[in-house]
Amino acid sequence: MRRSLIQAIEGFFGRDRYLDLYEIWRRDHVGTSPTAMTDLLELLRVDLRIHAKSWPKRSIPDGPLMLVANHPFGIGDGLVALSLAETLERPYRVLINSELLKIPEVRPYALAVDFRENEQALATNLETRRQATEFLRQGGTLVVFPAGGVATAANPFGKAVELPWKLFPARLVQATGATVLPVYFEGQNSVLFHLASRVSMTLRLALLIREFRRFTCSPVDVHIGEFVSYRDLVHLKDRQALSDALYAMVHDFAP
């Protein structure tokens, strides 16, 4: 029943159009194009407006790199973040909800986080921690949304606020000595989305396609900071203090 409701709402708000574009992307770009994520944004006609001192970056540090971003939209900001990571021309992965691994083309770019509270989820997340640490130590770029979910407004007509940031990204920075690249997305989802969030998680999830349509129909402003070396963070021994510092780095770009 829940799945049927989600599919019905997604269909009403244009899921089929995106499925057609997804099929084109899967057929013509995945596995053949070195810029598959950027190609997808172009197919979707996302109007991306980047605010940065320089982009693409002229000098990219060696070693582990973590792209840390806020999460105001859900689908769109995830795709853009992957495109940014792709532009750095290094192997990249993103920490995402394990449910999204049902999409085969996502799997090569993803490390799964299971938000269920059971033994299987614990085992999955321990393995993801191991894989993420190893991937970073091998010199990869890891995209993380420390909130672990889409920003929500307590008052549907008010400002959306990030969910409390998880400490896992800070833990990874400390474990690997990763350089950090802060990224901030302007904007938030619609009043309808935040109203639905107060009523039903099922309805909230179903409306993500509608929000993605809004995302692709409006300019997307994204702020990209400078690389922050672990040398500038190593004094933050407390994991919460480091997480707070990462949060501040990202949200310093808020208008």
C-alpha atoms as a PDB file:
ATOM      1  CA  MET A   1       0.000   0.000   0.000  1.00  0.00           C
ATOM      2  CA  ARG A   2       2.760   2.425   0.985  1.00  0.00           C
ATOM      3  CA  ARG A   3       4.772   1.678  -2.159  1.00  0.00           C
ATOM      4  CA  SER A   4       1.689   2.011  -4.367  1.00  0.00           C
ATOM      5  CA  LEU A   5       0.903   5.408  -2.871  1.00  0.00           C
ATOM      6  CA  ILE A   6       4.441   6.639  -3.434  1.00  0.00           C
ATOM      7  CA  GLN A   7       4.398   5.452  -7.055  1.00  0.00           C
ATOM      8  CA  ALA A   8       1.024   7.089  -7.705  1.00  0.00           C
ATOM      9  CA  ILE A   9       2.160  10.450  -6.346  1.00  0.00           C
ATOM     10  CA  GLU A  10       5.500  10.267  -8.154  1.00  0.00           C
ATOM     11  CA  GLY A  11       3.711   9.445 -11.410  1.00  0.00           C
ATOM     12  CA  PHE A  12       1.390  12.408 -10.996  1.00  0.00           C
ATOM     13  CA  PHE A  13       4.348  14.742 -10.564  1.00  0.00           C
ATOM     14  CA  GLY A  14       6.246  13.577 -13.651  1.00  0.00           C
ATOM     15  CA  ARG A  15       8.290  10.526 -12.731  1.00  0.00           C
ATOM     16  CA  ASP A  16       7.869   9.023 -16.215  1.00  0.00           C
ATOM     17  CA  ARG A  17       9.595  11.978 -17.876  1.00  0.00           C
ATOM     18  CA  TYR A  18      12.648  11.431 -15.709  1.00  0.00           C
ATOM     19  CA  LEU A  19      12.573   7.710 -16.359  1.00  0.00           C
ATOM     20  CA  ASP A  20      12.829   8.435 -20.092  1.00  0.00           C
ATOM     21  CA  LEU A  21      15.851  10.708 -19.545  1.00  0.00           C
ATOM     22  CA  TYR A  22      17.363   8.174 -17.180  1.00  0.00           C
ATOM     23  CA  GLU A  23      17.089   5.508 -19.872  1.00  0.00           C
ATOM     24  CA  ILE A  24      18.905   7.766 -22.370  1.00  0.00           C
ATOM     25  CA  TRP A  25      21.629   8.437 -19.802  1.00  0.00           C
ATOM     26  CA  ARG A  26      21.956   4.771 -18.893  1.00  0.00           C
ATOM     27  CA  ARG A  27      22.173   3.720 -22.544  1.00  0.00           C
ATOM     28  CA  ASP A  28      24.412   6.447 -23.967  1.00  0.00           C
ATOM     29  CA  HIS A  29      26.594   7.677 -21.098  1.00  0.00           C
ATOM     30  CA  VAL A  30      26.986   5.209 -18.225  1.00  0.00           C
ATOM     31  CA  GLY A  31      30.170   3.199 -18.608  1.00  0.00           C
ATOM     32  CA  THR A  32      31.319   5.103 -21.693  1.00  0.00           C
ATOM     33  CA  SER A  33      31.554   8.768 -20.701  1.00  0.00           C
ATOM     34  CA  PRO A  34      34.165   9.997 -18.176  1.00  0.00           C
ATOM     35  CA  THR A  35      31.700  12.749 -17.222  1.00  0.00           C
ATOM     36  CA  ALA A  36      28.547  10.676 -16.782  1.00  0.00           C
ATOM     37  CA  MET A  37      27.210  12.732 -13.853  1.00  0.00           C
ATOM     38  CA  THR A  38      27.770  16.038 -15.605  1.00  0.00           C
ATOM     39  CA  ASP A  39      26.137  14.567 -18.703  1.00  0.00           C
ATOM     40  CA  LEU A  40      23.085  13.696 -16.614  1.00  0.00           C
ATOM     41  CA  LEU A  41      22.779  17.272 -15.353  1.00  0.00           C
ATOM     42  CA  GLU A  42      22.938  18.478 -18.946  1.00  0.00           C
ATOM     43  CA  LEU A  43      20.216  16.039 -19.999  1.00  0.00           C
ATOM     44  CA  LEU A  44      18.086  17.361 -17.144  1.00  0.00           C
ATOM     45  CA  ARG A  45      18.946  20.946 -18.182  1.00  0.00           C
ATOM     46  CA  VAL A  46      19.969  21.900 -14.667  1.00  0.00           C
ATOM     47  CA  ASP A  47      20.961  25.581 -14.592  1.00  0.00           C
ATOM     48  CA  LEU A  48      23.939  25.340 -12.254  1.00  0.00           C
ATOM     49  CA  ARG A  49      25.390  28.637 -10.995  1.00  0.00           C
ATOM     50  CA  ILE A  50      28.698  28.025  -9.239  1.00  0.00           C
ATOM     51  CA  HIS A  51      30.101  30.584  -6.815  1.00  0.00           C
ATOM     52  CA  ALA A  52      33.789  29.943  -6.115  1.00  0.00           C
ATOM     53  CA  LYS A  53      37.169  31.663  -6.240  1.00  0.00           C
ATOM     54  CA  SER A  54      38.082  29.151  -8.915  1.00  0.00           C
ATOM     55  CA  TRP A  55      36.284  26.214 -10.512  1.00  0.00           C
ATOM     56  CA  PRO A  56      37.390  23.746 -11.664  1.00  0.00           C
ATOM     57  CA  LYS A  57      40.152  23.841  -9.058  1.00  0.00           C
ATOM     58  CA  ARG A  58      43.575  24.444 -10.570  1.00  0.00           C
ATOM     59  CA  SER A  59      45.525  22.651  -7.857  1.00  0.00           C
ATOM     60  CA  ILE A  60      43.999  19.539  -6.321  1.00  0.00           C
ATOM     61  CA  PRO A  61      45.721  18.020  -3.274  1.00  0.00           C
ATOM     62  CA  ASP A  62      46.831  14.429  -3.244  1.00  0.00           C
ATOM     63  CA  GLY A  63      45.528  12.011  -0.667  1.00  0.00           C
ATOM     64  CA  PRO A  64      42.116  11.586   0.930  1.00  0.00           C
ATOM     65  CA  LEU A  65      39.514  14.226   0.105  1.00  0.00           C
ATOM     66  CA  MET A  66      36.030  14.675   1.525  1.00  0.00           C
ATOM     67  CA  LEU A  67      33.401  16.875  -0.117  1.00  0.00           C
ATOM     68  CA  VAL A  68      31.059  17.953   2.701  1.00  0.00           C
ATOM     69  CA  ALA A  69      27.696  19.531   1.834  1.00  0.00           C
ATOM     70  CA  ASN A  70      24.348  20.559   3.243  1.00  0.00           C
ATOM     71  CA  HIS A  71      21.281  18.672   2.030  1.00  0.00           C
ATOM     72  CA  PRO A  72      18.327  20.996   1.300  1.00  0.00           C
ATOM     73  CA  PHE A  73      16.747  19.198  -1.671  1.00  0.00           C
ATOM     74  CA  GLY A  74      17.222  15.427  -1.654  1.00  0.00           C
ATOM     75  CA  ILE A  75      17.829  14.212  -5.204  1.00  0.00           C
ATOM     76  CA  GLY A  76      19.130  17.264  -7.031  1.00  0.00           C
ATOM     77  CA  ASP A  77      21.852  18.278  -4.595  1.00  0.00           C
ATOM     78  CA  GLY A  78      23.078  14.683  -4.562  1.00  0.00           C
ATOM     79  CA  LEU A  79      23.489  14.636  -8.340  1.00  0.00           C
ATOM     80  CA  VAL A  80      25.218  18.019  -8.378  1.00  0.00           C
ATOM     81  CA  ALA A  81      27.624  16.975  -5.620  1.00  0.00           C
ATOM     82  CA  LEU A  82      28.579  13.886  -7.618  1.00  0.00           C
ATOM     83  CA  SER A  83      29.141  16.046 -10.686  1.00  0.00           C
ATOM     84  CA  LEU A  84      31.425  18.329  -8.659  1.00  0.00           C
ATOM     85  CA  ALA A  85      33.378  15.331  -7.383  1.00  0.00           C
ATOM     86  CA  GLU A  86      33.644  14.042 -10.941  1.00  0.00           C
ATOM     87  CA  THR A  87      35.145  17.372 -12.032  1.00  0.00           C
ATOM     88  CA  LEU A  88      38.064  16.828  -9.640  1.00  0.00           C
ATOM     89  CA  GLU A  89      39.118  13.913 -11.891  1.00  0.00           C
ATOM     90  CA  ARG A  90      39.711  11.461  -9.058  1.00  0.00           C
ATOM     91  CA  PRO A  91      37.873   8.278  -8.095  1.00  0.00           C
ATOM     92  CA  TYR A  92      34.770   9.280  -6.135  1.00  0.00           C
ATOM     93  CA  ARG A  93      32.007   7.762  -4.053  1.00  0.00           C
ATOM     94  CA  VAL A  94      29.030   9.075  -2.118  1.00  0.00           C
ATOM     95  CA  LEU A  95      27.593   7.912   1.183  1.00  0.00           C
ATOM     96  CA  ILE A  96      23.891   7.319   0.488  1.00  0.00           C
ATOM     97  CA  ASN A  97      20.830   5.582   1.835  1.00  0.00           C
ATOM     98  CA  SER A  98      21.082   1.871   1.090  1.00  0.00           C
ATOM     99  CA  GLU A  99      17.624   1.981  -0.537  1.00  0.00           C
ATOM    100  CA  LEU A 100      19.131   3.868  -3.495  1.00  0.00           C
ATOM    101  CA  LEU A 101      21.383   0.923  -4.311  1.00  0.00           C
ATOM    102  CA  LYS A 102      18.337  -0.633  -5.942  1.00  0.00           C
ATOM    103  CA  ILE A 103      19.273   1.568  -8.915  1.00  0.00           C
ATOM    104  CA  PRO A 104      22.066  -0.467 -10.588  1.00  0.00           C
ATOM    105  CA  GLU A 105      23.819   2.523 -12.176  1.00  0.00           C
ATOM    106  CA  VAL A 106      24.245   4.171  -8.764  1.00  0.00           C
ATOM    107  CA  ARG A 107      26.131   1.271  -7.199  1.00  0.00           C
ATOM    108  CA  PRO A 108      29.599   1.964  -8.681  1.00  0.00           C
ATOM    109  CA  TYR A 109      29.532   5.451  -7.141  1.00  0.00           C
ATOM    110  CA  ALA A 110      27.989   4.610  -3.779  1.00  0.00           C
ATOM    111  CA  LEU A 111      28.712   3.394  -0.279  1.00  0.00           C
ATOM    112  CA  ALA A 112      25.556   2.356   1.534  1.00  0.00           C
ATOM    113  CA  VAL A 113      24.290   3.655   4.859  1.00  0.00           C
ATOM    114  CA  ASP A 114      21.417   1.673   6.376  1.00  0.00           C
ATOM    115  CA  PHE A 115      19.205   3.763   8.666  1.00  0.00           C
ATOM    116  CA  ARG A 116      17.214   0.844  10.037  1.00  0.00           C
ATOM    117  CA  GLU A 117      17.796  -0.137  13.641  1.00  0.00           C
ATOM    118  CA  ASN A 118      18.603  -3.820  13.401  1.00  0.00           C
ATOM    119  CA  GLU A 119      21.589  -6.161  13.272  1.00  0.00           C
ATOM    120  CA  GLN A 120      21.732  -6.199   9.483  1.00  0.00           C
ATOM    121  CA  ALA A 121      21.925  -2.402   9.392  1.00  0.00           C
ATOM    122  CA  LEU A 122      24.714  -2.443  11.968  1.00  0.00           C
ATOM    123  CA  ALA A 123      26.676  -4.946   9.894  1.00  0.00           C
ATOM    124  CA  THR A 124      26.139  -2.900   6.712  1.00  0.00           C
ATOM    125  CA  ASN A 125      27.276   0.318   8.355  1.00  0.00           C
ATOM    126  CA  LEU A 126      30.382  -1.264   9.879  1.00  0.00           C
ATOM    127  CA  GLU A 127      31.352  -2.564   6.444  1.00  0.00           C
ATOM    128  CA  THR A 128      30.662   0.859   4.918  1.00  0.00           C
ATOM    129  CA  ARG A 129      32.908   2.467   7.528  1.00  0.00           C
ATOM    130  CA  ARG A 130      35.696   0.072   6.569  1.00  0.00           C
ATOM    131  CA  GLN A 131      35.206   0.657   2.833  1.00  0.00           C
ATOM    132  CA  ALA A 132      35.001   4.438   3.211  1.00  0.00           C
ATOM    133  CA  THR A 133      38.185   4.550   5.277  1.00  0.00           C
ATOM    134  CA  GLU A 134      40.046   2.367   2.799  1.00  0.00           C
ATOM    135  CA  PHE A 135      38.735   4.351  -0.180  1.00  0.00           C
ATOM    136  CA  LEU A 136      39.881   7.650   1.323  1.00  0.00           C
ATOM    137  CA  ARG A 137      43.301   6.272   2.226  1.00  0.00           C
ATOM    138  CA  GLN A 138      43.704   5.202  -1.396  1.00  0.00           C
ATOM    139  CA  GLY A 139      43.276   8.835  -2.453  1.00  0.00           C
ATOM    140  CA  GLY A 140      39.596   8.897  -3.350  1.00  0.00           C
ATOM    141  CA  THR A 141      37.037  11.685  -3.062  1.00  0.00           C
ATOM    142  CA  LEU A 142      34.137  10.904  -0.742  1.00  0.00           C
ATOM    143  CA  VAL A 143      30.922  12.959  -0.949  1.00  0.00           C
ATOM    144  CA  VAL A 144      29.072  13.191   2.360  1.00  0.00           C
ATOM    145  CA  PHE A 145      25.855  14.829   3.530  1.00  0.00           C
ATOM    146  CA  PRO A 146      26.365  14.654   7.304  1.00  0.00           C
ATOM    147  CA  ALA A 147      22.689  15.413   7.986  1.00  0.00           C
ATOM    148  CA  GLY A 148      21.767  12.041   6.518  1.00  0.00           C
ATOM    149  CA  GLY A 149      18.404  13.428   5.369  1.00  0.00           C
ATOM    150  CA  VAL A 150      16.749  16.416   3.716  1.00  0.00           C
ATOM    151  CA  ALA A 151      16.535  19.716   5.610  1.00  0.00           C
ATOM    152  CA  THR A 152      13.107  20.305   7.138  1.00  0.00           C
ATOM    153  CA  ALA A 153      11.184  23.377   8.298  1.00  0.00           C
ATOM    154  CA  ALA A 154       9.375  23.108  11.644  1.00  0.00           C
ATOM    155  CA  ASN A 155       6.976  25.732  10.297  1.00  0.00           C
ATOM    156  CA  PRO A 156       6.107  24.821   6.673  1.00  0.00           C
ATOM    157  CA  PHE A 157       6.317  28.517   5.772  1.00  0.00           C
ATOM    158  CA  GLY A 158       9.603  29.007   7.603  1.00  0.00           C
ATOM    159  CA  LYS A 159      13.247  28.326   6.958  1.00  0.00           C
ATOM    160  CA  ALA A 160      14.352  24.735   6.541  1.00  0.00           C
ATOM    161  CA  VAL A 161      16.974  23.534   8.993  1.00  0.00           C
ATOM    162  CA  GLU A 162      19.485  20.740   8.560  1.00  0.00           C
ATOM    163  CA  LEU A 163      18.884  17.589  10.542  1.00  0.00           C
ATOM    164  CA  PRO A 164      21.498  17.114  13.292  1.00  0.00           C
ATOM    165  CA  TRP A 165      24.784  16.220  11.646  1.00  0.00           C
ATOM    166  CA  LYS A 166      26.067  12.702  12.212  1.00  0.00           C
ATOM    167  CA  LEU A 167      29.557  12.319  13.671  1.00  0.00           C
ATOM    168  CA  PHE A 168      30.598   9.685  11.138  1.00  0.00           C
ATOM    169  CA  PRO A 169      32.101  12.181   8.626  1.00  0.00           C
ATOM    170  CA  ALA A 170      34.175  13.793  11.386  1.00  0.00           C
ATOM    171  CA  ARG A 171      35.335  10.333  12.407  1.00  0.00           C
ATOM    172  CA  LEU A 172      36.454   9.628   8.833  1.00  0.00           C
ATOM    173  CA  VAL A 173      38.362  12.916   8.642  1.00  0.00           C
ATOM    174  CA  GLN A 174      40.215  12.060  11.844  1.00  0.00           C
ATOM    175  CA  ALA A 175      40.887   8.460  10.796  1.00  0.00           C
ATOM    176  CA  THR A 176      42.297   9.330   7.374  1.00  0.00           C
ATOM    177  CA  GLY A 177      43.609  12.894   7.708  1.00  0.00           C
ATOM    178  CA  ALA A 178      41.344  13.909   4.836  1.00  0.00           C
ATOM    179  CA  THR A 179      41.352  17.316   3.219  1.00  0.00           C
ATOM    180  CA  VAL A 180      37.878  18.884   3.266  1.00  0.00           C
ATOM    181  CA  LEU A 181      36.080  20.729   0.457  1.00  0.00           C
ATOM    182  CA  PRO A 182      33.001  22.559   1.825  1.00  0.00           C
ATOM    183  CA  VAL A 183      29.992  22.961  -0.469  1.00  0.00           C
ATOM    184  CA  TYR A 184      26.808  24.903   0.242  1.00  0.00           C
ATOM    185  CA  PHE A 185      23.545  24.715  -1.707  1.00  0.00           C
ATOM    186  CA  GLU A 186      21.211  27.702  -1.531  1.00  0.00           C
ATOM    187  CA  GLY A 187      17.466  27.196  -1.299  1.00  0.00           C
ATOM    188  CA  GLN A 188      15.044  24.696   0.164  1.00  0.00           C
ATOM    189  CA  ASN A 189      12.119  22.499  -0.781  1.00  0.00           C
ATOM    190  CA  SER A 190       8.574  23.806  -1.145  1.00  0.00           C
ATOM    191  CA  VAL A 191       5.988  24.604   1.513  1.00  0.00           C
ATOM    192  CA  LEU A 192       4.056  21.519   0.398  1.00  0.00           C
ATOM    193  CA  PHE A 193       7.045  19.282   1.093  1.00  0.00           C
ATOM    194  CA  HIS A 194       7.535  20.673   4.582  1.00  0.00           C
ATOM    195  CA  LEU A 195       3.827  20.455   5.293  1.00  0.00           C
ATOM    196  CA  ALA A 196       3.833  16.817   4.181  1.00  0.00           C
ATOM    197  CA  SER A 197       6.826  16.160   6.429  1.00  0.00           C
ATOM    198  CA  ARG A 198       4.653  16.997   9.427  1.00  0.00           C
ATOM    199  CA  VAL A 199       1.923  14.607   8.315  1.00  0.00           C
ATOM    200  CA  SER A 200       3.477  11.487   6.807  1.00  0.00           C
ATOM    201  CA  MET A 201       6.961  10.177   6.024  1.00  0.00           C
ATOM    202  CA  THR A 202       5.436   8.258   3.104  1.00  0.00           C
ATOM    203  CA  LEU A 203       4.041  11.457   1.608  1.00  0.00           C
ATOM    204  CA  ARG A 204       7.338  13.253   2.234  1.00  0.00           C
ATOM    205  CA  LEU A 205       9.238  10.588   0.294  1.00  0.00           C
ATOM    206  CA  ALA A 206       6.683  10.583  -2.514  1.00  0.00           C
ATOM    207  CA  LEU A 207       7.038  14.343  -2.978  1.00  0.00           C
ATOM    208  CA  LEU A 208      10.785  14.167  -3.604  1.00  0.00           C
ATOM    209  CA  ILE A 209      10.106  13.736  -7.343  1.00  0.00           C
ATOM    210  CA  ARG A 210       7.986  16.900  -7.316  1.00  0.00           C
ATOM    211  CA  GLU A 211      10.805  18.717  -5.540  1.00  0.00           C
ATOM    212  CA  PHE A 212      13.278  17.398  -8.087  1.00  0.00           C
ATOM    213  CA  ARG A 213      11.133  18.854 -10.863  1.00  0.00           C
ATOM    214  CA  ARG A 214      11.251  22.232  -9.094  1.00  0.00           C
ATOM    215  CA  PHE A 215      15.006  21.823  -8.758  1.00  0.00           C
ATOM    216  CA  THR A 216      15.506  21.259 -12.485  1.00  0.00           C
ATOM    217  CA  CYS A 217      13.237  24.180 -13.423  1.00  0.00           C
ATOM    218  CA  SER A 218      15.064  26.872 -11.430  1.00  0.00           C
ATOM    219  CA  PRO A 219      18.665  28.119 -11.236  1.00  0.00           C
ATOM    220  CA  VAL A 220      20.723  26.210  -8.679  1.00  0.00           C
ATOM    221  CA  ASP A 221      23.209  28.309  -6.710  1.00  0.00           C
ATOM    222  CA  VAL A 222      26.056  26.337  -5.179  1.00  0.00           C
ATOM    223  CA  HIS A 223      28.994  27.773  -3.244  1.00  0.00           C
ATOM    224  CA  ILE A 224      32.309  25.913  -3.285  1.00  0.00           C
ATOM    225  CA  GLY A 225      34.972  26.782  -0.743  1.00  0.00           C
ATOM    226  CA  GLU A 226      38.709  26.259  -0.760  1.00  0.00           C
ATOM    227  CA  PHE A 227      40.412  23.038   0.261  1.00  0.00           C
ATOM    228  CA  VAL A 228      40.904  22.822   4.022  1.00  0.00           C
ATOM    229  CA  SER A 229      43.927  20.744   4.959  1.00  0.00           C
ATOM    230  CA  TYR A 230      43.727  18.339   7.874  1.00  0.00           C
ATOM    231  CA  ARG A 231      46.665  20.283   9.333  1.00  0.00           C
ATOM    232  CA  ASP A 232      44.176  23.073  10.011  1.00  0.00           C
ATOM    233  CA  LEU A 233      41.766  20.665  11.716  1.00  0.00           C
ATOM    234  CA  VAL A 234      44.036  18.303  13.632  1.00  0.00           C
ATOM    235  CA  HIS A 235      43.794  20.394  16.823  1.00  0.00           C
ATOM    236  CA  LEU A 236      40.086  19.497  17.031  1.00  0.00           C
ATOM    237  CA  LYS A 237      40.463  16.237  18.936  1.00  0.00           C
ATOM    238  CA  ASP A 238      36.838  16.115  20.061  1.00  0.00           C
ATOM    239  CA  ARG A 239      34.687  14.576  17.340  1.00  0.00           C
ATOM    240  CA  GLN A 240      31.704  16.829  18.044  1.00  0.00           C
ATOM    241  CA  ALA A 241      33.917  19.915  17.882  1.00  0.00           C
ATOM    242  CA  LEU A 242      35.236  18.805  14.501  1.00  0.00           C
ATOM    243  CA  SER A 243      31.710  18.124  13.245  1.00  0.00           C
ATOM    244  CA  ASP A 244      30.670  21.595  14.397  1.00  0.00           C
ATOM    245  CA  ALA A 245      33.648  23.070  12.539  1.00  0.00           C
ATOM    246  CA  LEU A 246      32.662  21.239   9.341  1.00  0.00           C
ATOM    247  CA  TYR A 247      29.106  22.530   9.735  1.00  0.00           C
ATOM    248  CA  ALA A 248      30.385  26.087  10.133  1.00  0.00           C
ATOM    249  CA  MET A 249      32.638  25.786   7.069  1.00  0.00           C
ATOM    250  CA  VAL A 250      29.675  24.805   4.919  1.00  0.00           C
ATOM    251  CA  HIS A 251      27.110  27.225   6.347  1.00  0.00           C
ATOM    252  CA  ASP A 252      29.477  30.210   6.284  1.00  0.00           C
ATOM    253  CA  PHE A 253      28.428  30.467   2.628  1.00  0.00           C
ATOM    254  CA  ALA A 254      24.752  30.916   3.501  1.00  0.00           C
ATOM    255  CA  PRO A 255      23.502  34.248   2.090  1.00  0.00           C
END
